[in-house]
N, C-alpha and C. Protein backbone atom coordinates (compact mmCIF):
# COMPACT_ATOMS: atom_id res chain seq x y z
N MET A 1 1.75 82.09 139.42
CA MET A 1 1.43 81.78 140.90
C MET A 1 0.78 80.51 141.10
N LYS A 2 1.11 79.76 142.22
CA LYS A 2 0.95 78.46 142.54
C LYS A 2 -0.36 78.50 142.77
N ARG A 3 -1.10 77.18 142.52
CA ARG A 3 -2.59 77.03 143.25
C ARG A 3 -2.52 76.64 144.79
N ILE A 4 -3.30 76.99 145.33
CA ILE A 4 -3.48 76.82 147.07
C ILE A 4 -4.78 76.28 147.38
N ILE A 5 -4.81 75.68 148.61
CA ILE A 5 -6.28 75.52 149.22
C ILE A 5 -6.41 76.50 150.34
N ILE A 6 -7.57 77.09 150.23
CA ILE A 6 -7.91 78.24 151.26
C ILE A 6 -8.97 77.40 151.98
N ALA A 7 -8.82 77.34 153.19
CA ALA A 7 -9.65 76.65 154.38
C ALA A 7 -10.25 77.81 155.42
N ILE A 8 -11.48 77.80 155.14
CA ILE A 8 -12.29 78.88 156.08
C ILE A 8 -13.19 78.24 157.20
N ASP A 9 -12.77 78.17 158.24
CA ASP A 9 -13.52 77.70 159.49
C ASP A 9 -14.21 78.68 160.32
N GLY A 10 -15.05 78.35 161.06
CA GLY A 10 -15.64 79.41 161.89
C GLY A 10 -17.20 79.02 162.23
N TYR A 11 -17.78 79.84 162.97
CA TYR A 11 -18.95 79.88 163.63
C TYR A 11 -20.04 80.19 162.60
N SER A 12 -21.02 79.60 162.68
CA SER A 12 -22.35 79.70 161.94
C SER A 12 -22.78 81.14 162.01
N GLY A 13 -23.01 82.02 160.74
CA GLY A 13 -23.56 83.29 160.85
C GLY A 13 -22.46 84.27 160.77
N CYS A 14 -21.09 83.91 160.53
CA CYS A 14 -20.15 84.72 160.36
C CYS A 14 -19.80 85.18 158.94
N GLY A 15 -20.55 84.53 158.05
CA GLY A 15 -20.45 85.27 156.55
C GLY A 15 -19.44 84.14 155.84
N LYS A 16 -19.11 83.02 156.50
CA LYS A 16 -18.09 82.11 156.00
C LYS A 16 -18.39 81.87 154.29
N SER A 17 -19.79 81.39 154.12
CA SER A 17 -19.98 80.90 152.77
C SER A 17 -19.98 81.90 151.63
N THR A 18 -20.63 83.21 152.06
CA THR A 18 -20.71 84.35 151.20
C THR A 18 -19.14 84.85 150.86
N THR A 19 -18.34 84.93 152.00
CA THR A 19 -17.07 85.34 151.82
C THR A 19 -16.37 84.50 151.10
N ALA A 20 -16.38 83.26 151.16
CA ALA A 20 -15.73 82.16 150.49
C ALA A 20 -15.97 81.99 149.01
N LYS A 21 -17.33 82.27 148.81
CA LYS A 21 -17.65 82.26 147.20
C LYS A 21 -17.11 83.48 146.54
N ALA A 22 -16.88 84.34 147.21
CA ALA A 22 -16.71 85.77 146.69
C ALA A 22 -14.96 85.46 146.37
N VAL A 23 -14.29 85.28 147.44
CA VAL A 23 -12.94 84.92 147.42
C VAL A 23 -12.59 83.78 146.21
N ALA A 24 -13.27 82.76 146.01
CA ALA A 24 -13.16 81.98 145.16
C ALA A 24 -13.43 82.55 143.54
N ARG A 25 -14.39 83.36 143.54
CA ARG A 25 -14.74 84.02 142.27
C ARG A 25 -13.42 85.10 142.01
N ALA A 26 -13.00 85.72 142.69
CA ALA A 26 -11.87 86.76 142.40
C ALA A 26 -10.70 86.12 142.25
N LEU A 27 -10.60 84.94 142.68
CA LEU A 27 -9.25 84.19 142.33
C LEU A 27 -9.32 83.12 141.15
N GLY A 28 -10.48 82.91 140.56
CA GLY A 28 -10.71 82.04 139.75
C GLY A 28 -10.59 80.56 140.24
N TYR A 29 -10.83 80.36 141.56
CA TYR A 29 -11.12 79.11 142.19
C TYR A 29 -12.30 78.57 142.06
N THR A 30 -12.32 76.91 142.49
CA THR A 30 -13.58 76.36 142.90
C THR A 30 -13.97 76.59 144.16
N TYR A 31 -15.26 76.96 144.59
CA TYR A 31 -15.62 76.93 145.69
C TYR A 31 -16.39 75.59 146.27
N LEU A 32 -16.15 75.29 147.50
CA LEU A 32 -16.55 73.85 147.85
C LEU A 32 -17.47 74.29 149.12
N ASP A 33 -18.73 74.28 149.27
CA ASP A 33 -19.51 74.47 150.54
C ASP A 33 -19.67 73.05 151.21
N SER A 34 -18.77 72.84 152.33
CA SER A 34 -18.83 71.82 153.16
C SER A 34 -20.13 71.35 153.89
N GLY A 35 -20.48 72.71 154.31
CA GLY A 35 -21.74 72.78 155.29
C GLY A 35 -22.88 72.47 154.48
N ALA A 36 -22.86 72.87 153.04
CA ALA A 36 -23.87 72.33 152.42
C ALA A 36 -24.18 70.87 152.30
N MET A 37 -23.09 70.17 152.43
CA MET A 37 -23.05 68.64 152.18
C MET A 37 -23.64 68.22 153.50
N TYR A 38 -23.43 68.85 154.51
CA TYR A 38 -24.08 68.09 155.85
C TYR A 38 -25.57 68.49 155.89
N ARG A 39 -25.81 69.61 155.26
CA ARG A 39 -27.08 70.07 155.42
C ARG A 39 -27.91 69.23 154.38
N ALA A 40 -27.35 68.76 153.31
CA ALA A 40 -28.11 67.97 152.35
C ALA A 40 -28.14 66.59 152.77
N VAL A 41 -27.09 66.00 153.91
CA VAL A 41 -27.52 64.79 154.51
C VAL A 41 -28.51 64.75 155.32
N THR A 42 -28.54 66.04 156.04
CA THR A 42 -29.62 66.14 157.23
C THR A 42 -30.98 66.20 156.48
N LEU A 43 -31.08 66.85 155.34
CA LEU A 43 -32.52 66.92 154.71
C LEU A 43 -32.59 65.49 154.15
N PHE A 44 -31.93 64.72 153.92
CA PHE A 44 -32.06 63.41 153.00
C PHE A 44 -32.57 62.55 154.52
N PHE A 45 -31.91 62.63 155.78
CA PHE A 45 -32.26 61.82 156.86
C PHE A 45 -33.82 62.43 157.44
N ILE A 46 -33.96 63.60 157.37
CA ILE A 46 -35.40 64.10 157.62
C ILE A 46 -36.46 63.49 156.76
N GLU A 47 -36.18 63.59 155.50
CA GLU A 47 -37.31 63.18 154.41
C GLU A 47 -37.61 61.78 154.56
N ASN A 48 -36.46 61.08 154.74
CA ASN A 48 -36.44 59.57 154.82
C ASN A 48 -36.67 58.98 156.17
N TYR A 49 -37.04 59.90 157.22
CA TYR A 49 -37.28 59.33 158.40
C TYR A 49 -36.18 58.37 159.08
N ILE A 50 -34.92 58.87 158.73
CA ILE A 50 -33.82 58.09 159.25
C ILE A 50 -33.37 58.55 160.79
N ASN A 51 -33.35 57.30 161.57
CA ASN A 51 -32.88 57.74 163.03
C ASN A 51 -31.49 57.75 163.07
N PRO A 52 -31.11 59.00 163.32
CA PRO A 52 -29.48 59.10 163.74
C PRO A 52 -28.97 58.18 164.71
N ASP A 53 -29.67 57.65 165.59
CA ASP A 53 -29.46 56.94 166.74
C ASP A 53 -29.01 55.51 166.56
N ILE A 54 -29.71 54.98 165.22
CA ILE A 54 -29.43 53.74 164.59
C ILE A 54 -28.47 53.48 163.71
N PRO A 55 -27.17 53.06 163.91
CA PRO A 55 -26.00 53.08 163.04
C PRO A 55 -26.39 52.38 161.82
N LYS A 56 -27.29 51.33 161.74
CA LYS A 56 -27.78 50.72 160.48
C LYS A 56 -28.38 51.42 159.55
N GLU A 57 -29.31 52.25 160.00
CA GLU A 57 -30.19 53.14 159.39
C GLU A 57 -29.14 54.15 158.96
N VAL A 58 -28.36 54.66 159.62
CA VAL A 58 -27.20 55.63 159.21
C VAL A 58 -26.46 55.18 157.95
N SER A 59 -26.01 53.83 158.00
CA SER A 59 -25.12 53.46 157.08
C SER A 59 -25.84 53.50 155.81
N LYS A 60 -27.17 52.78 155.92
CA LYS A 60 -27.87 52.62 154.64
C LYS A 60 -28.26 53.87 154.17
N GLY A 61 -28.58 55.07 154.75
CA GLY A 61 -28.81 56.24 154.42
C GLY A 61 -27.93 56.92 153.54
N LEU A 62 -26.67 56.83 154.20
CA LEU A 62 -25.43 57.09 153.25
C LEU A 62 -25.13 56.50 151.80
N GLN A 63 -25.46 55.46 152.29
CA GLN A 63 -25.28 54.56 150.68
C GLN A 63 -26.40 54.94 149.70
N GLU A 64 -27.38 55.46 150.23
CA GLU A 64 -28.41 55.73 149.16
C GLU A 64 -28.45 57.22 148.74
N LEU A 65 -27.45 58.07 149.01
CA LEU A 65 -27.39 59.50 149.02
C LEU A 65 -26.32 59.80 147.95
N ASP A 66 -26.56 60.97 147.02
CA ASP A 66 -25.36 61.09 146.42
C ASP A 66 -25.45 62.87 146.17
N ILE A 67 -24.39 63.46 146.60
CA ILE A 67 -24.35 64.95 146.81
C ILE A 67 -23.56 65.49 145.65
N SER A 68 -23.70 66.56 144.88
CA SER A 68 -22.93 67.07 143.84
C SER A 68 -23.14 68.48 143.85
N PHE A 69 -22.35 69.39 143.06
CA PHE A 69 -22.33 70.77 143.00
C PHE A 69 -22.56 70.96 141.58
N HIS A 70 -23.40 71.81 141.15
CA HIS A 70 -23.45 72.34 139.68
C HIS A 70 -23.84 73.75 139.67
N GLN A 71 -23.20 74.40 138.44
CA GLN A 71 -23.39 75.74 138.64
C GLN A 71 -24.73 75.90 137.68
N ASP A 72 -25.71 77.03 138.19
CA ASP A 72 -26.80 77.52 137.52
C ASP A 72 -26.38 78.05 136.34
N ALA A 73 -26.86 77.53 135.29
CA ALA A 73 -26.40 78.36 133.83
C ALA A 73 -26.52 79.99 133.97
N PRO A 74 -27.65 80.38 133.94
CA PRO A 74 -28.30 81.81 133.85
C PRO A 74 -27.19 82.83 134.73
N SER A 75 -27.12 82.27 136.25
CA SER A 75 -26.47 83.28 137.24
C SER A 75 -24.93 82.75 137.45
N GLY A 76 -24.75 81.38 137.21
CA GLY A 76 -23.31 81.19 137.61
C GLY A 76 -23.29 80.76 138.95
N VAL A 77 -24.12 80.69 139.82
CA VAL A 77 -24.15 80.42 141.16
C VAL A 77 -24.28 78.93 141.33
N GLN A 78 -23.48 78.53 142.21
CA GLN A 78 -23.30 77.17 142.56
C GLN A 78 -24.40 76.60 143.18
N GLN A 79 -25.00 75.58 142.83
CA GLN A 79 -26.25 74.91 143.54
C GLN A 79 -25.87 73.64 144.09
N VAL A 80 -26.37 73.14 145.14
CA VAL A 80 -26.17 71.87 145.65
C VAL A 80 -27.39 70.74 145.21
N TYR A 81 -27.01 69.71 144.79
CA TYR A 81 -27.89 68.82 144.33
C TYR A 81 -27.94 67.43 145.13
N LEU A 82 -29.02 66.89 145.50
CA LEU A 82 -29.06 65.53 146.33
C LEU A 82 -29.88 64.53 145.52
N ASN A 83 -29.02 63.73 145.05
CA ASN A 83 -29.61 62.49 144.28
C ASN A 83 -30.09 63.09 142.90
N GLY A 84 -29.63 64.13 142.54
CA GLY A 84 -30.02 64.74 141.12
C GLY A 84 -30.93 65.67 141.13
N VAL A 85 -31.24 66.17 142.31
CA VAL A 85 -32.50 67.29 142.56
C VAL A 85 -31.80 68.30 143.39
N ASN A 86 -32.09 69.47 142.66
CA ASN A 86 -31.59 70.83 143.27
C ASN A 86 -32.39 71.04 144.72
N VAL A 87 -31.47 71.09 145.61
CA VAL A 87 -32.11 71.25 147.02
C VAL A 87 -31.51 72.64 147.92
N GLU A 88 -30.67 73.49 146.84
CA GLU A 88 -30.37 74.52 147.41
C GLU A 88 -31.10 75.52 148.45
N GLU A 89 -32.36 75.54 148.08
CA GLU A 89 -33.39 76.34 148.97
C GLU A 89 -33.71 75.56 150.10
N GLU A 90 -34.08 74.43 149.88
CA GLU A 90 -34.57 73.46 151.23
C GLU A 90 -33.52 73.27 152.15
N ILE A 91 -32.14 73.08 151.88
CA ILE A 91 -31.19 72.97 153.05
C ILE A 91 -31.10 74.09 153.62
N ARG A 92 -31.43 75.44 153.30
CA ARG A 92 -31.10 76.46 154.10
C ARG A 92 -32.10 77.02 154.94
N GLY A 93 -33.17 75.98 155.08
CA GLY A 93 -34.30 76.52 155.95
C GLY A 93 -34.05 76.10 157.33
N MET A 94 -35.00 76.41 158.37
CA MET A 94 -34.87 76.38 159.90
C MET A 94 -34.81 74.94 159.97
N GLN A 95 -35.65 74.07 159.25
CA GLN A 95 -35.97 72.70 159.45
C GLN A 95 -34.54 72.10 159.71
N VAL A 96 -33.89 72.25 158.69
CA VAL A 96 -32.59 71.71 158.45
C VAL A 96 -31.60 72.57 159.47
N SER A 97 -31.65 73.68 159.77
CA SER A 97 -30.71 74.31 160.61
C SER A 97 -30.77 73.76 161.95
N SER A 98 -32.03 73.45 162.39
CA SER A 98 -32.23 73.15 163.80
C SER A 98 -31.77 71.62 163.99
N ARG A 99 -31.37 70.85 162.84
CA ARG A 99 -31.00 69.37 163.07
C ARG A 99 -29.55 69.09 162.60
N VAL A 100 -28.98 70.32 161.85
CA VAL A 100 -27.78 69.78 160.95
C VAL A 100 -26.44 69.51 161.96
N SER A 101 -26.59 70.04 163.28
CA SER A 101 -25.49 69.94 164.08
C SER A 101 -25.68 68.45 164.63
N GLU A 102 -26.76 68.01 164.98
CA GLU A 102 -26.73 66.81 165.56
C GLU A 102 -26.73 65.63 164.44
N ILE A 103 -26.73 66.01 163.40
CA ILE A 103 -26.45 64.75 162.34
C ILE A 103 -25.04 64.91 161.67
N SER A 104 -24.51 66.02 161.72
CA SER A 104 -22.81 66.27 161.38
C SER A 104 -21.95 65.68 162.41
N LYS A 105 -22.44 65.66 163.55
CA LYS A 105 -21.37 65.13 164.50
C LYS A 105 -21.40 63.48 164.60
N LEU A 106 -22.30 62.97 163.62
CA LEU A 106 -22.29 61.49 163.74
C LEU A 106 -20.82 61.21 163.02
N GLU A 107 -20.13 60.09 163.57
CA GLU A 107 -18.66 59.73 163.16
C GLU A 107 -19.12 59.27 161.59
N GLU A 108 -19.76 58.36 161.36
CA GLU A 108 -19.83 57.89 159.83
C GLU A 108 -20.24 58.78 158.86
N VAL A 109 -20.92 59.80 159.53
CA VAL A 109 -21.57 60.96 158.47
C VAL A 109 -20.19 61.80 158.17
N ARG A 110 -19.40 62.19 159.27
CA ARG A 110 -18.40 63.03 158.93
C ARG A 110 -17.33 62.26 158.27
N ARG A 111 -16.88 60.91 158.38
CA ARG A 111 -16.13 60.15 157.66
C ARG A 111 -16.22 60.13 156.19
N ALA A 112 -17.62 59.93 155.89
CA ALA A 112 -17.98 60.02 154.35
C ALA A 112 -17.96 61.28 153.75
N MET A 113 -18.19 62.36 154.45
CA MET A 113 -18.19 63.83 153.99
C MET A 113 -16.77 64.17 153.72
N VAL A 114 -15.84 63.95 154.67
CA VAL A 114 -14.60 64.04 154.75
C VAL A 114 -13.74 63.54 153.56
N GLU A 115 -14.03 62.33 153.28
CA GLU A 115 -13.45 61.41 152.27
C GLU A 115 -13.92 62.24 150.72
N LYS A 116 -15.14 62.68 150.83
CA LYS A 116 -15.68 63.43 149.65
C LYS A 116 -14.88 64.51 149.17
N GLN A 117 -14.79 65.38 150.47
CA GLN A 117 -14.17 66.52 150.54
C GLN A 117 -12.77 66.55 149.81
N ARG A 118 -12.20 65.69 150.37
CA ARG A 118 -10.55 65.40 150.19
C ARG A 118 -10.47 65.14 148.60
N LYS A 119 -11.39 64.35 148.25
CA LYS A 119 -11.11 64.06 146.77
C LYS A 119 -11.45 65.12 145.90
N LEU A 120 -12.37 66.06 146.31
CA LEU A 120 -12.87 67.27 145.59
C LEU A 120 -11.71 68.20 145.52
N GLY A 121 -10.95 68.21 146.59
CA GLY A 121 -9.91 69.17 146.66
C GLY A 121 -8.36 68.72 146.16
N LYS A 122 -8.18 67.60 145.80
CA LYS A 122 -6.92 67.12 145.21
C LYS A 122 -6.25 67.84 144.26
N LYS A 123 -6.86 68.65 143.48
CA LYS A 123 -6.07 69.32 142.21
C LYS A 123 -5.93 70.81 142.73
N LYS A 124 -6.25 71.14 144.18
CA LYS A 124 -5.88 72.28 144.56
C LYS A 124 -6.70 73.49 143.84
N GLY A 125 -6.60 74.91 144.23
CA GLY A 125 -7.21 75.91 143.47
C GLY A 125 -8.69 76.07 144.04
N ILE A 126 -8.75 75.49 145.35
CA ILE A 126 -10.23 75.47 145.84
C ILE A 126 -10.19 76.62 147.25
N VAL A 127 -11.33 76.97 147.32
CA VAL A 127 -11.61 77.75 148.67
C VAL A 127 -12.84 76.80 149.29
N MET A 128 -12.76 76.22 150.51
CA MET A 128 -13.63 75.45 151.16
C MET A 128 -14.00 75.84 152.37
N ASP A 129 -15.21 75.93 152.77
CA ASP A 129 -15.59 76.69 154.16
C ASP A 129 -16.25 75.49 155.01
N GLY A 130 -16.07 75.74 156.36
CA GLY A 130 -16.72 74.66 157.15
C GLY A 130 -16.45 74.96 158.65
N ARG A 131 -16.19 73.75 159.57
CA ARG A 131 -15.88 73.96 160.93
C ARG A 131 -14.77 73.21 161.04
N ASP A 132 -14.37 72.13 160.19
CA ASP A 132 -13.18 71.48 160.54
C ASP A 132 -12.17 71.13 159.38
N ILE A 133 -12.28 72.28 158.37
CA ILE A 133 -11.57 72.19 157.02
C ILE A 133 -10.04 72.21 157.48
N GLY A 134 -9.70 73.25 158.31
CA GLY A 134 -8.15 73.56 158.47
C GLY A 134 -7.66 72.51 159.62
N THR A 135 -8.56 71.84 160.30
CA THR A 135 -7.92 70.91 161.27
C THR A 135 -7.97 69.54 160.82
N VAL A 136 -9.15 69.12 160.36
CA VAL A 136 -9.19 67.77 159.76
C VAL A 136 -9.21 67.45 158.28
N VAL A 137 -9.82 68.17 157.65
CA VAL A 137 -10.18 68.12 155.93
C VAL A 137 -8.69 68.17 155.27
N PHE A 138 -8.37 69.53 155.46
CA PHE A 138 -6.94 69.82 154.78
C PHE A 138 -6.12 70.54 155.78
N PRO A 139 -5.59 69.67 156.88
CA PRO A 139 -4.51 70.26 157.76
C PRO A 139 -3.27 70.81 157.31
N LYS A 140 -3.13 70.56 155.84
CA LYS A 140 -1.93 71.29 155.20
C LYS A 140 -2.14 72.43 154.39
N ALA A 141 -3.32 72.77 154.46
CA ALA A 141 -3.93 74.05 153.57
C ALA A 141 -3.00 75.15 153.54
N GLU A 142 -2.61 75.81 152.59
CA GLU A 142 -1.79 76.79 152.46
C GLU A 142 -2.28 78.01 153.26
N LEU A 143 -3.56 78.05 153.24
CA LEU A 143 -4.06 79.06 154.22
C LEU A 143 -5.41 78.91 154.87
N LYS A 144 -5.23 79.33 156.09
CA LYS A 144 -6.44 78.87 157.02
C LYS A 144 -6.88 80.08 157.53
N VAL A 145 -8.19 80.42 157.67
CA VAL A 145 -8.63 81.50 158.10
C VAL A 145 -9.91 81.10 159.22
N PHE A 146 -9.88 81.54 160.45
CA PHE A 146 -10.95 81.13 161.47
C PHE A 146 -12.04 82.36 161.61
N MET A 147 -12.89 82.16 161.32
CA MET A 147 -14.06 83.61 161.32
C MET A 147 -14.78 83.48 162.60
N LYS A 148 -15.24 84.47 163.20
CA LYS A 148 -15.84 84.62 164.28
C LYS A 148 -16.42 85.94 164.44
N ALA A 149 -17.66 86.19 165.20
CA ALA A 149 -18.33 87.41 165.11
C ALA A 149 -19.25 87.28 166.65
N ASP A 150 -19.63 88.34 166.95
CA ASP A 150 -20.52 88.50 168.08
C ASP A 150 -21.75 87.53 167.79
N THR A 151 -22.32 87.04 168.77
CA THR A 151 -23.41 86.20 168.54
C THR A 151 -24.71 86.99 168.24
N GLY A 152 -24.83 88.36 169.11
CA GLY A 152 -26.05 89.01 168.59
C GLY A 152 -25.95 89.51 167.24
N ILE A 153 -24.95 89.83 166.58
CA ILE A 153 -24.54 90.29 165.18
C ILE A 153 -24.79 89.18 164.23
N ARG A 154 -24.52 87.77 164.53
CA ARG A 154 -24.71 86.90 163.82
C ARG A 154 -26.15 86.58 163.65
N ALA A 155 -26.82 86.68 164.74
CA ALA A 155 -28.26 86.35 164.85
C ALA A 155 -28.91 87.21 163.93
N ALA A 156 -28.46 88.39 164.13
CA ALA A 156 -29.39 89.66 163.17
C ALA A 156 -29.19 89.01 161.77
N ARG A 157 -27.90 88.74 161.42
CA ARG A 157 -27.61 88.26 160.11
C ARG A 157 -28.46 87.24 159.54
N ARG A 158 -28.46 86.34 160.41
CA ARG A 158 -29.24 85.09 160.10
C ARG A 158 -30.69 85.33 159.72
N GLN A 159 -31.23 86.08 160.82
CA GLN A 159 -32.58 86.34 160.62
C GLN A 159 -33.00 87.06 159.53
N LYS A 160 -32.08 88.04 158.92
CA LYS A 160 -32.11 88.85 157.60
C LYS A 160 -32.35 87.67 156.69
N GLU A 161 -31.44 86.88 156.46
CA GLU A 161 -31.44 85.66 155.33
C GLU A 161 -32.66 85.07 155.39
N LEU A 162 -33.15 84.66 156.64
CA LEU A 162 -34.35 83.79 156.56
C LEU A 162 -35.54 84.50 156.07
N LEU A 163 -35.71 86.16 156.70
CA LEU A 163 -36.72 86.84 156.21
C LEU A 163 -36.71 87.12 154.63
N GLU A 164 -35.39 87.00 154.06
CA GLU A 164 -35.44 87.10 152.53
C GLU A 164 -36.07 85.91 151.83
N LYS A 165 -35.74 84.84 152.44
CA LYS A 165 -36.68 83.61 151.84
C LYS A 165 -38.07 83.41 152.36
N GLY A 166 -38.42 84.30 152.93
CA GLY A 166 -40.09 84.23 153.46
C GLY A 166 -40.20 83.55 154.63
N GLU A 167 -39.06 83.17 155.56
CA GLU A 167 -39.24 82.51 156.73
C GLU A 167 -39.09 83.48 158.03
N MET A 168 -40.20 83.63 158.79
CA MET A 168 -40.25 84.49 159.86
C MET A 168 -40.01 83.83 161.06
N LEU A 169 -39.02 84.33 161.66
CA LEU A 169 -38.63 83.77 163.20
C LEU A 169 -38.30 84.85 163.87
N SER A 170 -38.54 84.87 165.05
CA SER A 170 -38.05 85.97 166.05
C SER A 170 -36.37 85.93 166.09
N LEU A 171 -35.78 87.06 166.61
CA LEU A 171 -34.42 87.17 166.87
C LEU A 171 -33.91 86.25 167.81
N ASP A 172 -34.72 86.16 169.02
CA ASP A 172 -34.25 85.30 170.22
C ASP A 172 -34.38 83.93 169.64
N LYS A 173 -35.24 83.53 168.86
CA LYS A 173 -35.16 82.08 168.49
C LYS A 173 -34.08 81.82 167.52
N VAL A 174 -33.71 82.65 166.81
CA VAL A 174 -32.51 82.46 165.85
C VAL A 174 -31.14 82.41 166.73
N LYS A 175 -31.21 83.28 167.59
CA LYS A 175 -29.80 83.36 168.60
C LYS A 175 -29.83 82.08 169.21
N GLU A 176 -31.15 81.44 170.05
CA GLU A 176 -30.88 80.41 170.53
C GLU A 176 -30.47 79.28 169.73
N ASN A 177 -31.11 79.02 168.49
CA ASN A 177 -30.61 78.03 167.47
C ASN A 177 -29.12 78.33 167.44
N LEU A 178 -28.51 79.41 167.08
CA LEU A 178 -27.03 79.51 167.18
C LEU A 178 -26.12 79.24 168.10
N GLU A 179 -26.74 79.47 169.23
CA GLU A 179 -26.04 79.34 170.58
C GLU A 179 -25.87 77.62 170.63
N ASN A 180 -27.12 76.99 170.48
CA ASN A 180 -27.21 75.59 170.47
C ASN A 180 -26.36 74.78 169.39
N ARG A 181 -26.23 75.49 168.21
CA ARG A 181 -25.36 74.78 167.40
C ARG A 181 -23.95 75.14 167.84
N ASP A 182 -23.36 76.15 168.25
CA ASP A 182 -22.02 76.37 168.71
C ASP A 182 -21.46 75.50 169.83
N ALA A 183 -22.75 75.22 170.85
CA ALA A 183 -22.31 74.33 171.79
C ALA A 183 -22.05 72.88 171.29
N ILE A 184 -23.00 72.54 170.30
CA ILE A 184 -22.78 71.26 169.78
C ILE A 184 -21.57 71.05 168.97
N ASP A 185 -21.30 72.14 168.08
CA ASP A 185 -20.22 72.20 167.43
C ASP A 185 -18.68 72.20 167.94
N THR A 186 -18.81 72.82 169.06
CA THR A 186 -17.57 72.92 169.82
C THR A 186 -17.35 71.89 170.85
N THR A 187 -18.18 71.25 171.32
CA THR A 187 -17.98 69.97 172.24
C THR A 187 -18.20 68.65 171.73
N ARG A 188 -18.50 68.33 170.37
CA ARG A 188 -18.60 67.18 169.76
C ARG A 188 -17.08 66.53 169.96
N ALA A 189 -17.47 65.02 170.21
CA ALA A 189 -16.09 64.00 170.18
C ALA A 189 -15.39 64.07 168.93
N ILE A 190 -16.17 64.00 167.81
CA ILE A 190 -15.70 63.91 166.44
C ILE A 190 -15.42 65.25 165.63
N SER A 191 -14.14 65.56 165.24
CA SER A 191 -13.89 66.88 164.71
C SER A 191 -14.61 68.12 165.24
N PRO A 192 -14.59 68.47 166.51
CA PRO A 192 -15.00 69.86 167.09
C PRO A 192 -14.63 70.87 166.37
N LEU A 193 -15.42 72.09 166.45
CA LEU A 193 -15.16 73.45 165.91
C LEU A 193 -14.05 73.77 166.66
N VAL A 194 -12.86 74.24 166.19
CA VAL A 194 -11.55 74.67 166.85
C VAL A 194 -10.77 75.25 165.87
N LYS A 195 -10.23 76.29 166.27
CA LYS A 195 -9.21 77.00 165.59
C LYS A 195 -8.06 76.37 165.54
N ALA A 196 -7.56 76.08 164.06
CA ALA A 196 -6.04 75.41 164.00
C ALA A 196 -5.16 76.38 164.47
N ASP A 197 -4.01 75.73 164.86
CA ASP A 197 -2.89 76.67 165.39
C ASP A 197 -1.99 77.61 164.57
N ASP A 198 -2.20 77.03 163.39
CA ASP A 198 -1.68 78.15 162.10
C ASP A 198 -2.70 78.95 161.36
N ALA A 199 -4.06 79.01 161.94
CA ALA A 199 -5.20 79.83 161.35
C ALA A 199 -5.19 81.22 161.77
N ILE A 200 -5.43 81.96 160.75
CA ILE A 200 -5.40 83.65 161.06
C ILE A 200 -6.89 83.74 161.36
N GLU A 201 -7.08 84.67 162.66
CA GLU A 201 -8.34 84.83 163.05
C GLU A 201 -9.00 85.92 162.33
N LEU A 202 -10.11 85.93 162.11
CA LEU A 202 -10.78 87.19 161.41
C LEU A 202 -12.16 87.41 162.04
N ASP A 203 -12.26 88.38 163.07
CA ASP A 203 -13.60 88.82 163.60
C ASP A 203 -14.31 89.73 162.62
N THR A 204 -15.62 89.25 162.08
CA THR A 204 -16.26 89.85 161.16
C THR A 204 -17.39 90.70 161.82
N SER A 205 -17.51 90.77 163.18
CA SER A 205 -18.39 91.69 163.80
C SER A 205 -18.81 92.99 163.27
N TYR A 206 -17.56 93.90 162.81
CA TYR A 206 -17.82 94.99 162.32
C TYR A 206 -16.99 95.44 161.04
N LEU A 207 -16.91 94.26 160.44
CA LEU A 207 -16.36 94.29 158.88
C LEU A 207 -17.62 94.22 157.95
N ASP A 208 -17.42 95.10 156.96
CA ASP A 208 -18.39 94.93 155.95
C ASP A 208 -17.83 93.79 155.08
N PHE A 209 -18.79 93.27 154.22
CA PHE A 209 -18.54 91.97 153.22
C PHE A 209 -17.17 92.38 152.46
N GLU A 210 -17.05 93.54 151.80
CA GLU A 210 -15.76 93.76 151.03
C GLU A 210 -14.47 93.72 151.67
N GLU A 211 -14.68 94.25 152.87
CA GLU A 211 -13.51 94.12 153.71
C GLU A 211 -13.04 92.63 154.28
N GLN A 212 -14.21 91.79 154.39
CA GLN A 212 -13.76 90.50 154.79
C GLN A 212 -13.28 89.85 153.61
N VAL A 213 -13.87 89.89 152.51
CA VAL A 213 -13.28 89.54 151.23
C VAL A 213 -11.71 89.77 150.92
N SER A 214 -11.78 91.23 150.81
CA SER A 214 -10.38 91.72 150.38
C SER A 214 -9.04 91.27 151.39
N ARG A 215 -9.58 90.95 152.67
CA ARG A 215 -8.46 90.70 153.69
C ARG A 215 -8.07 89.28 153.37
N ILE A 216 -9.07 88.48 152.95
CA ILE A 216 -8.52 86.83 152.74
C ILE A 216 -7.77 86.84 151.46
N ILE A 217 -8.31 87.69 150.29
CA ILE A 217 -7.43 87.72 149.07
C ILE A 217 -6.08 88.37 149.10
N GLU A 218 -5.90 89.25 150.12
CA GLU A 218 -4.56 89.79 150.25
C GLU A 218 -3.76 88.60 150.88
N LEU A 219 -4.22 87.81 152.00
CA LEU A 219 -3.49 86.84 152.59
C LEU A 219 -3.18 85.90 151.53
N ALA A 220 -4.17 85.37 150.78
CA ALA A 220 -3.96 84.17 149.77
C ALA A 220 -2.88 84.64 148.68
N LYS A 221 -3.01 85.70 148.43
CA LYS A 221 -1.91 86.32 147.09
C LYS A 221 -0.39 85.92 147.83
N LYS A 222 -0.45 86.30 149.18
CA LYS A 222 0.92 86.32 149.69
C LYS A 222 1.66 84.73 149.73
N ARG A 223 0.49 83.93 149.65
CA ARG A 223 0.96 82.54 149.84
C ARG A 223 0.98 81.86 148.52
N MET A 224 0.29 82.50 147.49
CA MET A 224 0.35 81.92 146.18
C MET A 224 1.84 82.32 145.35
N ASN A 225 2.53 83.39 145.96
CA ASN A 225 3.94 83.66 145.20
C ASN A 225 4.79 82.56 145.36
């Protein structure tokens, strides 16, 4: 079977990352979380008081950060490292979530991250999720999936994730954050969130996790023959 690139795009809270990880595991592929890369940049900007409206500060910040992925030995789970420090937990918090769309829409940030993502995907055999993977990063990916779900359902899922990490937020607040991110992601001038013409749409509103994963694996195997 030939090795392919699987690009999974879609709205926040649709289960892109957890689904992509499971698909990669099942196929023996490498999973690359593009969203985590933008979250790591956002965390770095927050911690170092970098003003996204000052190009010189943005350029300097991008030169000073290094993002890498490493597997946690005991669990086998992939972790995100920022300048050698594991930031997997920090980048998933609401502080980063509330600003990641603002930072990721910056042209220089996107250019730097897309370049790194393309390098990571050169050998194929990868599953990458994000918002512009099938349209910008890998427009020739053999399989493109566009995930969506009802906003209320996405908000409930995200609230559950946050509660499991000890972060308590009202459902209304989580929903508002998702709607703001959707607005920014779909209307930004650089690499907006949009379904690629050749992407297969997958509505996860009423699919359980196993169904999401099995549908994508089924699609992938057809393209691997």
